[in-house]
Amino acid sequence: MANESLDDYLEDFALLIEAGFVAVKQLDEVSATRIFNAAQVMNPMSTAPQIGLGYICLNKLQVREATKIFEGVLERDPKNHLAKTFLGVCFLLTKPKREEGERIIKEVIEESDDPTIKNLGTISLEWAERDLKKIKAPFFSEEVQQKVKESKANPSEVK
């Protein structure tokens, strides 16, 4: 009987996923997490709730956790372009993996027929080019940046 009740709601699964993303956009992490977890219970084989949970982590800049989640989704569904794009974004935020992130996103743009995925990838690459590749942080003065460089070069001489 419990499965009959659950089956009655499976047709609303997509709405539940959408509601989770709306909650993320409204910065309601608690509700978003609960919605995605409920969706996972409703449809354990779907990767959509995991993408939602990864998206929450990405929004909180919990890049390691988001990366693990998106990699897990891709293990189950290697052709999931949304998860692959989000994984690329995670790599863009991880300086040593930035080039790999760019490569992944470019690959998704080429592979995907979905204009939304292509747009997400394009915007992500433009953002990385414009904001992440800057040598200097815009909020530090030249003097502070120089001291940081010197302290990295000679940690014992930091004043």
Protein backbone atom coordinates (compact mmCIF):
# COMPACT_ATOMS: atom_id res chain seq x y z
CA MET A 1 0.00 0.00 0.00
CA ALA A 2 2.89 2.39 0.70
CA ASN A 3 4.16 1.84 -2.86
CA GLU A 4 0.72 2.59 -4.25
CA SER A 5 0.80 5.93 -2.44
CA LEU A 6 4.28 6.68 -3.72
CA ASP A 7 3.33 5.69 -7.26
CA ASP A 8 0.54 8.24 -7.17
CA TYR A 9 3.14 11.00 -6.75
CA LEU A 10 5.79 9.81 -9.22
CA GLU A 11 4.19 11.83 -12.01
CA ASP A 12 5.06 14.94 -9.98
CA PHE A 13 8.73 13.96 -9.68
CA ALA A 14 9.91 16.60 -12.19
CA LEU A 15 7.99 19.28 -10.32
CA LEU A 16 9.67 18.22 -7.09
CA ILE A 17 13.11 18.54 -8.71
CA GLU A 18 12.17 21.96 -10.08
CA ALA A 19 10.94 23.02 -6.64
CA GLY A 20 14.31 21.99 -5.20
CA PHE A 21 16.16 24.21 -7.67
CA VAL A 22 13.77 27.08 -6.91
CA ALA A 23 14.53 26.65 -3.20
CA VAL A 24 18.27 26.79 -3.97
CA LYS A 25 17.76 29.98 -5.95
CA GLN A 26 15.88 31.47 -2.99
CA LEU A 27 18.82 30.50 -0.73
CA ASP A 28 16.63 28.08 1.23
CA GLU A 29 19.17 25.32 1.69
CA VAL A 30 17.13 23.40 4.27
CA SER A 31 14.05 23.14 2.05
CA ALA A 32 16.11 22.40 -1.07
CA THR A 33 17.96 19.58 0.69
CA ARG A 34 14.73 18.10 2.02
CA ILE A 35 13.08 18.30 -1.39
CA PHE A 36 16.00 16.63 -3.19
CA ASN A 37 16.21 13.92 -0.51
CA ALA A 38 12.47 13.28 -0.82
CA ALA A 39 12.84 13.08 -4.60
CA GLN A 40 15.66 10.55 -4.17
CA VAL A 41 13.38 8.38 -2.02
CA MET A 42 10.63 8.63 -4.63
CA ASN A 43 12.93 7.67 -7.50
CA PRO A 44 16.17 6.10 -6.23
CA MET A 45 17.42 5.40 -9.77
CA SER A 46 17.28 9.05 -10.85
CA THR A 47 20.42 11.16 -10.79
CA ALA A 48 18.43 14.43 -10.75
CA PRO A 49 18.23 14.66 -6.94
CA GLN A 50 21.98 14.10 -6.69
CA ILE A 51 22.60 16.87 -9.21
CA GLY A 52 20.41 19.10 -7.03
CA LEU A 53 22.41 18.25 -3.91
CA GLY A 54 25.64 18.90 -5.81
CA TYR A 55 24.25 22.22 -6.98
CA ILE A 56 23.57 23.19 -3.36
CA CYS A 57 27.22 22.43 -2.52
CA LEU A 58 28.42 24.37 -5.55
CA ASN A 59 26.36 27.40 -4.50
CA LYS A 60 27.93 27.21 -1.04
CA LEU A 61 31.38 26.90 -2.69
CA GLN A 62 31.84 23.49 -1.12
CA VAL A 63 33.75 22.54 -4.24
CA ARG A 64 35.21 19.25 -2.99
CA GLU A 65 31.81 17.92 -1.93
CA ALA A 66 30.16 19.14 -5.14
CA THR A 67 32.92 17.50 -7.18
CA LYS A 68 32.36 14.16 -5.41
CA ILE A 69 28.64 14.33 -6.05
CA PHE A 70 28.96 15.20 -9.75
CA GLU A 71 31.62 12.52 -10.25
CA GLY A 72 29.25 10.02 -8.63
CA VAL A 73 26.46 11.04 -10.98
CA LEU A 74 28.78 10.64 -13.96
CA GLU A 75 29.78 7.15 -12.80
CA ARG A 76 26.11 6.16 -12.99
CA ASP A 77 25.30 8.24 -16.08
CA PRO A 78 28.42 9.18 -18.09
CA LYS A 79 26.34 11.04 -20.69
CA ASN A 80 24.72 13.41 -18.18
CA HIS A 81 25.70 16.74 -19.68
CA LEU A 82 24.38 18.83 -16.80
CA ALA A 83 26.46 16.93 -14.23
CA LYS A 84 29.47 17.09 -16.54
CA THR A 85 29.10 20.85 -16.96
CA PHE A 86 28.78 21.36 -13.22
CA LEU A 87 31.85 19.16 -12.70
CA GLY A 88 33.67 21.41 -15.17
CA VAL A 89 32.59 24.45 -13.14
CA CYS A 90 33.94 22.77 -9.99
CA PHE A 91 37.26 22.30 -11.76
CA LEU A 92 37.23 25.94 -12.91
CA LEU A 93 37.09 26.87 -9.22
CA THR A 94 40.06 24.61 -8.45
CA LYS A 95 43.11 26.39 -9.86
CA PRO A 96 45.22 23.25 -10.56
CA LYS A 97 42.28 21.71 -12.44
CA ARG A 98 41.10 24.84 -14.25
CA GLU A 99 42.35 23.74 -17.68
CA GLU A 100 40.65 20.36 -17.27
CA GLY A 101 37.44 22.17 -16.34
CA GLU A 102 37.66 24.26 -19.50
CA ARG A 103 38.27 21.11 -21.57
CA ILE A 104 35.30 19.31 -20.02
CA ILE A 105 32.95 22.25 -20.59
CA LYS A 106 34.08 22.67 -24.21
CA GLU A 107 33.52 18.94 -24.73
CA VAL A 108 29.98 19.20 -23.33
CA ILE A 109 29.21 22.20 -25.54
CA GLU A 110 30.24 20.13 -28.57
CA GLU A 111 28.38 16.96 -27.50
CA SER A 112 25.12 18.41 -26.23
CA ASP A 113 22.09 19.32 -28.34
CA ASP A 114 20.46 21.08 -25.39
CA PRO A 115 20.69 24.88 -25.83
CA THR A 116 20.40 25.39 -22.06
CA ILE A 117 23.45 23.19 -21.42
CA LYS A 118 25.37 24.91 -24.22
CA ASN A 119 24.49 28.31 -22.75
CA LEU A 120 25.54 27.25 -19.24
CA GLY A 121 28.86 26.02 -20.61
CA THR A 122 29.46 29.15 -22.67
CA ILE A 123 28.66 31.46 -19.77
CA SER A 124 30.90 29.43 -17.45
CA LEU A 125 33.83 29.68 -19.85
CA GLU A 126 33.30 33.41 -20.34
CA TRP A 127 33.18 33.88 -16.57
CA ALA A 128 36.37 31.89 -16.11
CA GLU A 129 38.13 33.93 -18.79
CA ARG A 130 36.91 37.27 -17.45
CA ASP A 131 37.10 36.74 -13.68
CA LEU A 132 39.06 33.63 -12.72
CA LYS A 133 42.11 34.12 -14.88
CA LYS A 134 42.98 37.52 -13.51
CA ILE A 135 46.47 37.55 -12.08
CA LYS A 136 45.63 40.08 -9.40
CA ALA A 137 42.77 40.05 -6.97
CA PRO A 138 40.83 43.29 -7.53
CA PHE A 139 40.43 44.09 -3.83
CA PHE A 140 44.10 44.02 -2.81
CA SER A 141 46.47 46.91 -3.34
CA GLU A 142 49.72 46.42 -5.25
CA GLU A 143 51.62 46.68 -1.95
CA VAL A 144 49.63 43.90 -0.27
CA GLN A 145 50.00 41.67 -3.34
CA GLN A 146 53.75 42.21 -3.32
CA LYS A 147 53.99 41.28 0.38
CA VAL A 148 52.01 38.10 -0.28
CA LYS A 149 54.38 37.17 -3.12
CA GLU A 150 57.41 37.86 -0.92
CA SER A 151 56.02 35.81 1.96
CA LYS A 152 55.48 32.85 -0.37
CA ALA A 153 59.02 33.16 -1.67
CA ASN A 154 60.60 33.57 1.79
CA PRO A 155 58.21 32.38 4.51
CA SER A 156 60.80 32.84 7.25
CA GLU A 157 61.17 36.53 6.44
CA VAL A 158 57.51 37.53 6.82
CA LYS A 159 57.16 40.81 8.72
